[in-house]
Amino acid sequence: MQLRWQIAQFFEMRWWRRYLSGKEKEAYLEWKKAYWKALLDRAGLHIPAGASILDAGCGPAGIFTIFLSEKVVALDPLLDVYEQQLPHFRKSDYPNVRFICLPLEQFTPENPFDFVFCLNAINHVADLPLCFDRLHACTQNGGTLLVSIDTHNYRWLKRIFRLIPGDILHPHQYDLSEYQAMLTSRGFRIDQTVLLKKEWIFSYYLINATR
């Protein structure tokens, strides 16, 4: 699985370079911020000023971009590479954000967070069970975890994708009920599951959970 993750990380960076090529920085970031604000509305979340926030697997334009007065930690193993290779991301643009260039498996918070976001990231990790353990440890009692994830629609395709790299960016292949069980088995209460997009092979869901 470690090798599959390393391959996925290589293609992740390649995907970002291609995706952002030709996109003007300010226009792209304004569009992305509007996307994140709409996602919070879909989840029915209000983030109070001063809340502590973790953006796990944040990418170069994660939900950290919309928080200006909160205590934010943004975590991603490719952060330094993003800053070197993508003009759209500069740590200095976000003075209230503490950026940590580490995989989630290696992150131990000083204190748990009020809100933990892991958006389109959890099936990119190397050690999935450990990462769900880390998300639990990072969320304070009564705190909120928001996860978005591509999930398989068909069991037979899920089995095929586990055998061959049909989805090279995502080392892990599960359906919605399996991801939900990974949360509830660790003590999370699932408050809401929202279908964001349905396609033939995958559906994209937003899961709002409370520790």
Protein backbone atom coordinates (compact mmCIF):
# COMPACT_ATOMS: atom_id res chain seq x y z
CA MET A 1 0.00 0.00 0.00
CA GLN A 2 2.92 2.37 0.68
CA LEU A 3 4.11 2.02 -2.92
CA ARG A 4 0.59 2.57 -4.23
CA TRP A 5 0.36 5.72 -2.08
CA GLN A 6 3.68 7.04 -3.38
CA ILE A 7 2.52 6.51 -6.95
CA ALA A 8 -0.76 8.29 -6.13
CA GLN A 9 1.17 11.25 -4.66
CA PHE A 10 3.22 11.57 -7.85
CA PHE A 11 0.10 11.64 -9.99
CA GLU A 12 -1.64 13.96 -7.53
CA MET A 13 1.00 16.62 -8.10
CA ARG A 14 0.89 16.02 -11.83
CA TRP A 15 -2.92 16.43 -11.75
CA TRP A 16 -2.67 19.78 -9.91
CA ARG A 17 -0.12 21.18 -12.38
CA ARG A 18 -2.32 20.25 -15.30
CA TYR A 19 -5.56 21.40 -13.64
CA LEU A 20 -4.22 24.82 -12.65
CA SER A 21 -2.37 25.45 -15.88
CA GLY A 22 -3.85 28.55 -17.48
CA LYS A 23 -6.02 29.45 -14.46
CA GLU A 24 -5.46 32.98 -13.18
CA LYS A 25 -4.64 32.85 -9.47
CA GLU A 26 -7.09 35.39 -8.03
CA ALA A 27 -10.02 34.25 -10.17
CA TYR A 28 -9.41 30.61 -9.27
CA LEU A 29 -9.13 31.33 -5.55
CA GLU A 30 -12.31 33.41 -5.52
CA TRP A 31 -14.15 30.56 -7.24
CA LYS A 32 -12.71 28.04 -4.77
CA LYS A 33 -13.66 30.13 -1.74
CA ALA A 34 -17.24 30.38 -3.02
CA TYR A 35 -17.24 26.59 -3.43
CA TRP A 36 -16.14 26.06 0.19
CA LYS A 37 -18.71 28.50 1.55
CA ALA A 38 -21.46 26.69 -0.39
CA LEU A 39 -20.21 23.38 1.02
CA LEU A 40 -20.52 24.69 4.58
CA ASP A 41 -24.06 25.81 3.78
CA ARG A 42 -24.89 22.31 2.47
CA ALA A 43 -23.58 20.87 5.73
CA GLY A 44 -25.51 23.42 7.80
CA LEU A 45 -22.33 24.44 9.62
CA HIS A 46 -21.64 27.80 11.18
CA ILE A 47 -18.04 28.29 12.27
CA PRO A 48 -17.78 30.79 15.14
CA ALA A 49 -14.95 33.30 15.17
CA GLY A 50 -11.99 32.02 17.13
CA ALA A 51 -12.80 28.33 16.60
CA SER A 52 -9.88 25.94 16.25
CA ILE A 53 -9.82 24.25 12.84
CA LEU A 54 -7.81 21.48 11.18
CA ASP A 55 -7.82 21.18 7.39
CA ALA A 56 -6.38 17.68 6.91
CA GLY A 57 -5.18 16.94 3.39
CA CYS A 58 -5.73 20.59 2.52
CA GLY A 59 -4.18 20.73 -0.94
CA PRO A 60 -3.10 24.11 -2.37
CA ALA A 61 -6.53 25.76 -2.02
CA GLY A 62 -8.32 23.97 0.78
CA ILE A 63 -11.08 25.18 3.04
CA PHE A 64 -8.42 26.99 5.09
CA THR A 65 -8.66 29.78 2.48
CA ILE A 66 -12.00 31.07 3.80
CA PHE A 67 -11.10 31.33 7.49
CA LEU A 68 -9.61 34.70 8.44
CA SER A 69 -10.15 35.01 12.21
CA GLU A 70 -10.01 31.38 13.29
CA LYS A 71 -7.08 29.33 14.61
CA VAL A 72 -6.28 27.16 11.59
CA VAL A 73 -3.84 24.33 10.99
CA ALA A 74 -3.53 23.13 7.39
CA LEU A 75 -1.90 19.74 6.89
CA ASP A 76 -0.67 18.09 3.69
CA PRO A 77 2.45 16.07 2.76
CA LEU A 78 2.79 17.97 -0.54
CA LEU A 79 2.64 21.53 0.83
CA ASP A 80 6.27 22.34 0.12
CA VAL A 81 5.99 20.95 -3.41
CA TYR A 82 2.81 22.95 -4.00
CA GLU A 83 4.60 26.15 -3.02
CA GLN A 84 7.57 25.34 -5.25
CA GLN A 85 5.60 24.33 -8.33
CA LEU A 86 2.20 26.06 -8.18
CA PRO A 87 1.98 29.87 -8.35
CA HIS A 88 -1.57 29.60 -6.96
CA PHE A 89 -0.31 28.68 -3.47
CA ARG A 90 1.83 30.80 -1.17
CA LYS A 91 1.84 30.20 2.58
CA SER A 92 2.43 33.92 3.15
CA ASP A 93 -1.03 34.68 1.71
CA TYR A 94 -2.60 33.13 4.84
CA PRO A 95 -0.90 34.64 7.93
CA ASN A 96 -3.40 33.12 10.39
CA VAL A 97 -2.81 29.57 9.09
CA ARG A 98 -0.15 27.27 10.47
CA PHE A 99 0.95 25.02 7.62
CA ILE A 100 2.41 21.60 8.42
CA CYS A 101 3.98 19.52 5.67
CA LEU A 102 3.25 16.03 7.00
CA PRO A 103 0.99 13.11 6.16
CA LEU A 104 -1.97 12.70 8.49
CA GLU A 105 -0.51 9.44 9.83
CA GLN A 106 2.38 11.38 11.40
CA PHE A 107 0.41 14.31 12.82
CA THR A 108 -0.15 14.59 16.58
CA PRO A 109 -2.01 17.76 17.61
CA GLU A 110 -1.06 19.78 20.66
CA ASN A 111 -4.79 20.03 21.41
CA PRO A 112 -7.85 18.59 19.65
CA PHE A 113 -9.81 20.88 17.35
CA ASP A 114 -13.38 22.22 17.40
CA PHE A 115 -13.75 21.47 13.67
CA VAL A 116 -11.83 18.97 11.58
CA PHE A 117 -12.16 18.97 7.79
CA CYS A 118 -10.92 16.12 5.62
CA LEU A 119 -12.30 17.00 2.22
CA ASN A 120 -11.60 14.79 -0.78
CA ALA A 121 -8.52 13.52 1.03
CA ILE A 122 -9.12 10.46 3.21
CA ASN A 123 -8.91 7.96 0.34
CA HIS A 124 -5.60 9.53 -0.74
CA VAL A 125 -3.75 8.41 2.40
CA ALA A 126 -1.34 5.49 2.85
CA ASP A 127 -2.72 3.93 6.05
CA LEU A 128 -6.49 4.35 6.09
CA PRO A 129 -7.31 2.84 9.53
CA LEU A 130 -4.55 4.87 11.18
CA CYS A 131 -5.79 8.04 9.50
CA PHE A 132 -9.32 7.52 10.81
CA ASP A 133 -7.75 7.04 14.25
CA ARG A 134 -5.89 10.32 13.79
CA LEU A 135 -9.06 12.15 12.74
CA HIS A 136 -10.72 10.88 15.92
CA ALA A 137 -7.79 12.03 18.05
CA CYS A 138 -7.79 15.43 16.35
CA THR A 139 -11.49 16.09 17.03
CA GLN A 140 -12.36 17.24 20.53
CA ASN A 141 -15.29 15.72 22.42
CA GLY A 142 -18.42 17.30 21.01
CA GLY A 143 -16.44 18.59 18.02
CA THR A 144 -17.37 18.26 14.36
CA LEU A 145 -15.69 16.21 11.65
CA LEU A 146 -16.61 16.92 8.03
CA VAL A 147 -15.43 14.35 5.48
CA SER A 148 -16.06 14.33 1.73
CA ILE A 149 -15.28 11.18 -0.18
CA ASP A 150 -15.70 9.37 -3.49
CA THR A 151 -17.51 6.09 -2.83
CA HIS A 152 -18.15 3.10 -5.06
CA ASN A 153 -21.65 2.53 -6.42
CA TYR A 154 -21.13 -1.12 -7.45
CA ARG A 155 -19.59 -3.92 -5.42
CA TRP A 156 -18.17 -5.73 -8.46
CA LEU A 157 -16.37 -2.60 -9.70
CA LYS A 158 -15.02 -1.95 -6.22
CA ARG A 159 -13.41 -5.39 -6.25
CA ILE A 160 -11.87 -4.78 -9.67
CA PHE A 161 -10.50 -1.38 -8.65
CA ARG A 162 -8.88 -2.95 -5.59
CA LEU A 163 -6.98 -5.36 -7.84
CA ILE A 164 -5.91 -2.98 -10.59
CA PRO A 165 -5.07 0.77 -10.51
CA GLY A 166 -8.22 1.90 -12.26
CA ASP A 167 -8.33 4.95 -9.98
CA ILE A 168 -4.66 5.79 -9.57
CA LEU A 169 -5.15 8.92 -7.43
CA HIS A 170 -7.00 6.97 -4.73
CA PRO A 171 -5.21 4.02 -3.10
CA HIS A 172 -8.40 2.99 -1.24
CA GLN A 173 -11.63 1.73 -2.74
CA TYR A 174 -14.74 1.48 -0.51
CA ASP A 175 -18.44 2.15 -0.61
CA LEU A 176 -20.40 4.63 1.52
CA SER A 177 -21.50 2.16 4.20
CA GLU A 178 -17.90 1.02 4.72
CA TYR A 179 -16.67 4.59 5.21
CA GLN A 180 -19.55 5.33 7.56
CA ALA A 181 -18.68 2.23 9.59
CA MET A 182 -15.07 3.43 9.88
CA LEU A 183 -16.43 6.54 11.60
CA THR A 184 -19.07 4.98 13.85
CA SER A 185 -16.72 2.21 15.00
CA ARG A 186 -14.45 4.95 16.37
CA GLY A 187 -17.22 6.64 18.32
CA PHE A 188 -18.39 9.27 15.83
CA ARG A 189 -22.10 9.98 15.46
CA ILE A 190 -23.09 10.61 11.86
CA ASP A 191 -25.44 13.59 11.84
CA GLN A 192 -25.86 14.05 8.09
CA THR A 193 -24.83 12.42 4.82
CA VAL A 194 -25.26 14.56 1.70
CA LEU A 195 -24.92 13.34 -1.88
CA LEU A 196 -22.93 16.03 -3.68
CA LYS A 197 -22.51 14.34 -7.06
CA LYS A 198 -23.51 10.99 -8.56
CA GLU A 199 -21.68 9.43 -11.48
CA TRP A 200 -21.63 5.93 -12.91
CA ILE A 201 -18.74 4.42 -10.95
CA PHE A 202 -18.50 6.77 -7.96
CA SER A 203 -20.75 8.99 -5.90
CA TYR A 204 -19.31 11.94 -4.02
CA TYR A 205 -20.66 12.31 -0.47
CA LEU A 206 -20.29 14.77 2.38
CA ILE A 207 -20.45 13.22 5.84
CA ASN A 208 -21.05 15.46 8.88
CA ALA A 209 -20.15 13.68 12.13
CA THR A 210 -19.80 14.54 15.81
CA ARG A 211 -17.33 12.97 18.18
